[in-house]
């Protein structure tokens, strides 16, 4: 059971959420999007939200500022969260404007707001689950895409809801978080996307 929980924690790592949302948009949208536009968004987002954070983690680990990719001790979360906000802002201001898509633009606005809220919570000594923050954001984004494009993606939303449950159970089983921290993380992610939909829905 422990091995499965660790596997789920890696599989649903918050680093994957920006890319997952971007892929979801291109899979769901009925709008015509040429390959140039898709590549112009997907490749830079992949580099900025997955490749660079992984390299950054390795540097932080060598400096003794991070011990694992899960950043279990609260003291290890400050710099990764700060760096994440910077990288997400680079996506928002440098990548998306080249192939502007309102749905993606406000998705990243929501992610920045959620990450900033987690950073503020950390400063206030309130711990929250970054896994659930990311998955809560993705779930609300999928619901919003379904309403926006009037497309039935119930299966995708159901799978994402199941993933949220599995990830929450895994984090609790590993004693990485308690139920309150799971709930706080999920609500931060969910509400951050909910607050942006009035600008594009």
Protein backbone atom coordinates (compact mmCIF):
# COMPACT_ATOMS: atom_id res chain seq x y z
CA UNK A 1 0.00 0.00 0.00
CA UNK A 2 2.83 2.39 0.81
CA UNK A 3 4.49 1.77 -2.55
CA UNK A 4 1.20 2.52 -4.33
CA UNK A 5 0.74 5.74 -2.33
CA UNK A 6 4.27 6.89 -3.21
CA UNK A 7 3.64 6.04 -6.88
CA UNK A 8 0.39 8.05 -6.86
CA UNK A 9 2.18 10.99 -5.22
CA UNK A 10 4.74 11.02 -8.04
CA UNK A 11 2.11 10.43 -10.74
CA UNK A 12 -0.07 13.34 -9.63
CA UNK A 13 2.75 15.70 -8.70
CA UNK A 14 1.76 19.40 -8.84
CA UNK A 15 4.53 20.09 -11.39
CA UNK A 16 2.39 18.30 -13.99
CA UNK A 17 -0.73 20.42 -13.46
CA UNK A 18 0.10 23.38 -15.78
CA UNK A 19 0.92 21.00 -18.62
CA UNK A 20 -2.15 18.85 -17.89
CA UNK A 21 -4.43 21.89 -18.10
CA UNK A 22 -2.80 23.07 -21.33
CA UNK A 23 -3.18 19.64 -22.94
CA UNK A 24 -6.79 19.46 -21.72
CA UNK A 25 -7.58 22.72 -23.43
CA UNK A 26 -6.22 21.62 -26.82
CA UNK A 27 -8.00 18.26 -26.54
CA UNK A 28 -11.34 19.81 -25.59
CA UNK A 29 -11.53 23.05 -27.59
CA UNK A 30 -13.68 22.99 -30.73
CA UNK A 31 -11.74 26.02 -32.00
CA UNK A 32 -9.32 25.41 -34.83
CA UNK A 33 -5.78 25.61 -33.49
CA UNK A 34 -2.94 25.05 -35.97
CA UNK A 35 0.01 22.91 -34.96
CA UNK A 36 2.19 26.02 -34.82
CA UNK A 37 -0.06 27.50 -32.12
CA UNK A 38 -0.18 24.25 -30.15
CA UNK A 39 3.58 23.79 -30.34
CA UNK A 40 4.13 27.46 -29.54
CA UNK A 41 2.31 26.94 -26.26
CA UNK A 42 3.06 23.33 -25.33
CA UNK A 43 6.84 23.27 -25.74
CA UNK A 44 7.66 26.48 -23.79
CA UNK A 45 5.15 25.55 -21.07
CA UNK A 46 6.72 22.09 -20.79
CA UNK A 47 10.19 23.64 -20.44
CA UNK A 48 9.13 26.34 -17.96
CA UNK A 49 6.87 24.23 -15.75
CA UNK A 50 8.57 20.82 -15.78
CA UNK A 51 12.16 20.92 -17.08
CA UNK A 52 13.34 24.07 -15.29
CA UNK A 53 11.64 23.17 -11.95
CA UNK A 54 13.32 19.73 -12.01
CA UNK A 55 16.71 21.33 -12.63
CA UNK A 56 15.96 23.90 -9.91
CA UNK A 57 15.10 21.12 -7.45
CA UNK A 58 18.42 19.40 -8.14
CA UNK A 59 20.23 22.67 -7.45
CA UNK A 60 18.26 23.25 -4.24
CA UNK A 61 18.98 19.70 -3.11
CA UNK A 62 22.70 20.18 -3.69
CA UNK A 63 22.51 23.38 -1.66
CA UNK A 64 20.75 21.52 1.15
CA UNK A 65 17.52 23.51 0.71
CA UNK A 66 15.38 20.55 -0.40
CA UNK A 67 15.48 16.91 0.61
CA UNK A 68 12.79 15.38 -1.65
CA UNK A 69 10.51 16.34 -4.53
CA UNK A 70 7.55 16.34 -2.13
CA UNK A 71 9.03 19.18 -0.03
CA UNK A 72 7.58 17.60 3.10
CA UNK A 73 9.16 19.98 5.67
CA UNK A 74 7.41 23.37 5.44
CA UNK A 75 10.75 25.21 5.54
CA UNK A 76 11.70 23.68 2.18
CA UNK A 77 8.67 25.09 0.37
CA UNK A 78 9.47 28.81 0.33
CA UNK A 79 11.99 28.95 -2.53
CA UNK A 80 10.22 26.38 -4.78
CA UNK A 81 6.91 28.26 -4.43
CA UNK A 82 8.60 31.58 -5.15
CA UNK A 83 10.35 30.14 -8.21
CA UNK A 84 7.08 28.54 -9.39
CA UNK A 85 5.32 31.90 -9.28
CA UNK A 86 8.13 33.43 -11.35
CA UNK A 87 8.01 30.65 -13.95
CA UNK A 88 4.22 30.76 -14.20
CA UNK A 89 4.40 34.53 -14.72
CA UNK A 90 6.89 33.96 -17.54
CA UNK A 91 4.35 31.66 -19.18
CA UNK A 92 1.62 34.26 -18.66
CA UNK A 93 3.54 37.25 -20.03
CA UNK A 94 6.01 35.71 -22.50
CA UNK A 95 4.52 32.49 -23.87
CA UNK A 96 0.74 32.86 -24.08
CA UNK A 97 0.72 36.36 -25.70
CA UNK A 98 2.55 34.88 -28.73
CA UNK A 99 -0.43 32.59 -29.40
CA UNK A 100 -3.09 34.27 -27.28
CA UNK A 101 -5.82 32.04 -25.89
CA UNK A 102 -8.10 33.54 -23.24
CA UNK A 103 -8.91 30.16 -21.69
CA UNK A 104 -5.23 29.34 -21.16
CA UNK A 105 -4.38 32.87 -20.08
CA UNK A 106 -6.86 32.82 -17.19
CA UNK A 107 -5.97 29.24 -16.31
CA UNK A 108 -2.44 30.43 -15.58
CA UNK A 109 -3.77 33.50 -13.77
CA UNK A 110 -5.62 31.07 -11.49
CA UNK A 111 -2.52 28.92 -11.00
CA UNK A 112 -0.45 31.98 -10.06
CA UNK A 113 -3.14 33.07 -7.59
CA UNK A 114 -3.27 29.58 -6.05
CA UNK A 115 0.52 29.32 -5.76
CA UNK A 116 0.71 32.80 -4.23
CA UNK A 117 -2.03 31.83 -1.75
CA UNK A 118 -0.03 28.73 -0.77
CA UNK A 119 3.06 30.91 -0.29
CA UNK A 120 1.09 33.35 1.87
CA UNK A 121 -0.30 30.44 3.88
CA UNK A 122 3.25 29.16 4.38
CA UNK A 123 4.38 32.58 5.66
CA UNK A 124 1.40 32.54 8.05
CA UNK A 125 2.48 29.06 9.25
CA UNK A 126 -0.55 27.38 7.64
CA UNK A 127 0.42 24.22 5.77
CA UNK A 128 -1.56 23.03 2.76
CA UNK A 129 -1.28 20.24 0.21
CA UNK A 130 0.30 21.36 -3.06
CA UNK A 131 -0.89 18.14 -4.71
CA UNK A 132 -4.50 19.00 -3.90
CA UNK A 133 -4.02 22.64 -4.83
CA UNK A 134 -2.97 21.57 -8.32
CA UNK A 135 -5.67 18.93 -8.73
CA UNK A 136 -8.36 21.28 -7.42
CA UNK A 137 -7.30 23.82 -10.06
CA UNK A 138 -7.40 21.23 -12.82
CA UNK A 139 -10.82 19.90 -11.77
CA UNK A 140 -12.43 23.36 -11.77
CA UNK A 141 -10.77 24.18 -15.09
CA UNK A 142 -12.21 21.05 -16.71
CA UNK A 143 -15.68 21.91 -15.39
CA UNK A 144 -15.32 25.45 -16.74
CA UNK A 145 -14.14 24.20 -20.16
CA UNK A 146 -17.14 21.87 -20.34
CA UNK A 147 -19.55 24.74 -19.63
CA UNK A 148 -17.69 27.23 -21.85
CA UNK A 149 -17.59 25.05 -24.96
CA UNK A 150 -20.88 23.27 -24.14
CA UNK A 151 -19.12 19.92 -24.50
CA UNK A 152 -19.89 16.82 -22.48
CA UNK A 153 -16.61 15.77 -20.86
CA UNK A 154 -18.22 14.05 -17.89
CA UNK A 155 -15.79 11.13 -18.12
CA UNK A 156 -12.76 13.43 -17.91
CA UNK A 157 -14.28 15.31 -14.96
CA UNK A 158 -15.14 12.02 -13.25
CA UNK A 159 -11.61 10.68 -13.77
CA UNK A 160 -10.13 13.92 -12.40
CA UNK A 161 -12.45 13.69 -9.36
CA UNK A 162 -11.30 10.10 -8.81
CA UNK A 163 -7.67 11.21 -9.11
CA UNK A 164 -8.33 13.90 -6.49
CA UNK A 165 -9.63 11.23 -4.13
CA UNK A 166 -6.73 8.88 -4.81
CA UNK A 167 -4.12 11.61 -4.36
CA UNK A 168 -5.73 12.83 -1.14
CA UNK A 169 -5.87 9.29 0.24
CA UNK A 170 -2.23 8.68 -0.73
CA UNK A 171 -1.02 11.86 0.97
CA UNK A 172 -2.96 11.07 4.14
CA UNK A 173 -1.75 7.45 4.15
CA UNK A 174 1.86 8.63 3.85
CA UNK A 175 1.18 11.09 6.71
CA UNK A 176 2.42 13.90 4.49
CA UNK A 177 -0.72 15.89 5.33
CA UNK A 178 -3.73 15.75 7.61
CA UNK A 179 -7.33 16.13 6.41
CA UNK A 180 -7.42 19.87 7.07
CA UNK A 181 -4.28 20.48 4.98
CA UNK A 182 -5.76 18.38 2.16
CA UNK A 183 -9.01 20.37 2.27
CA UNK A 184 -7.24 23.74 2.40
CA UNK A 185 -5.04 22.87 -0.58
CA UNK A 186 -7.99 21.64 -2.63
CA UNK A 187 -10.12 24.70 -1.86
CA UNK A 188 -7.28 27.09 -2.72
CA UNK A 189 -6.87 25.48 -6.14
CA UNK A 190 -10.58 25.10 -6.83
CA UNK A 191 -11.52 28.64 -5.79
CA UNK A 192 -8.60 30.26 -7.62
CA UNK A 193 -9.94 28.92 -10.94
CA UNK A 194 -13.54 29.65 -9.95
CA UNK A 195 -12.70 33.31 -9.42
CA UNK A 196 -11.19 33.69 -12.90
CA UNK A 197 -14.01 32.15 -14.96
CA UNK A 198 -16.11 35.33 -14.96
CA UNK A 199 -13.45 36.87 -17.21
CA UNK A 200 -13.62 34.22 -19.93
CA UNK A 201 -16.62 31.94 -19.41
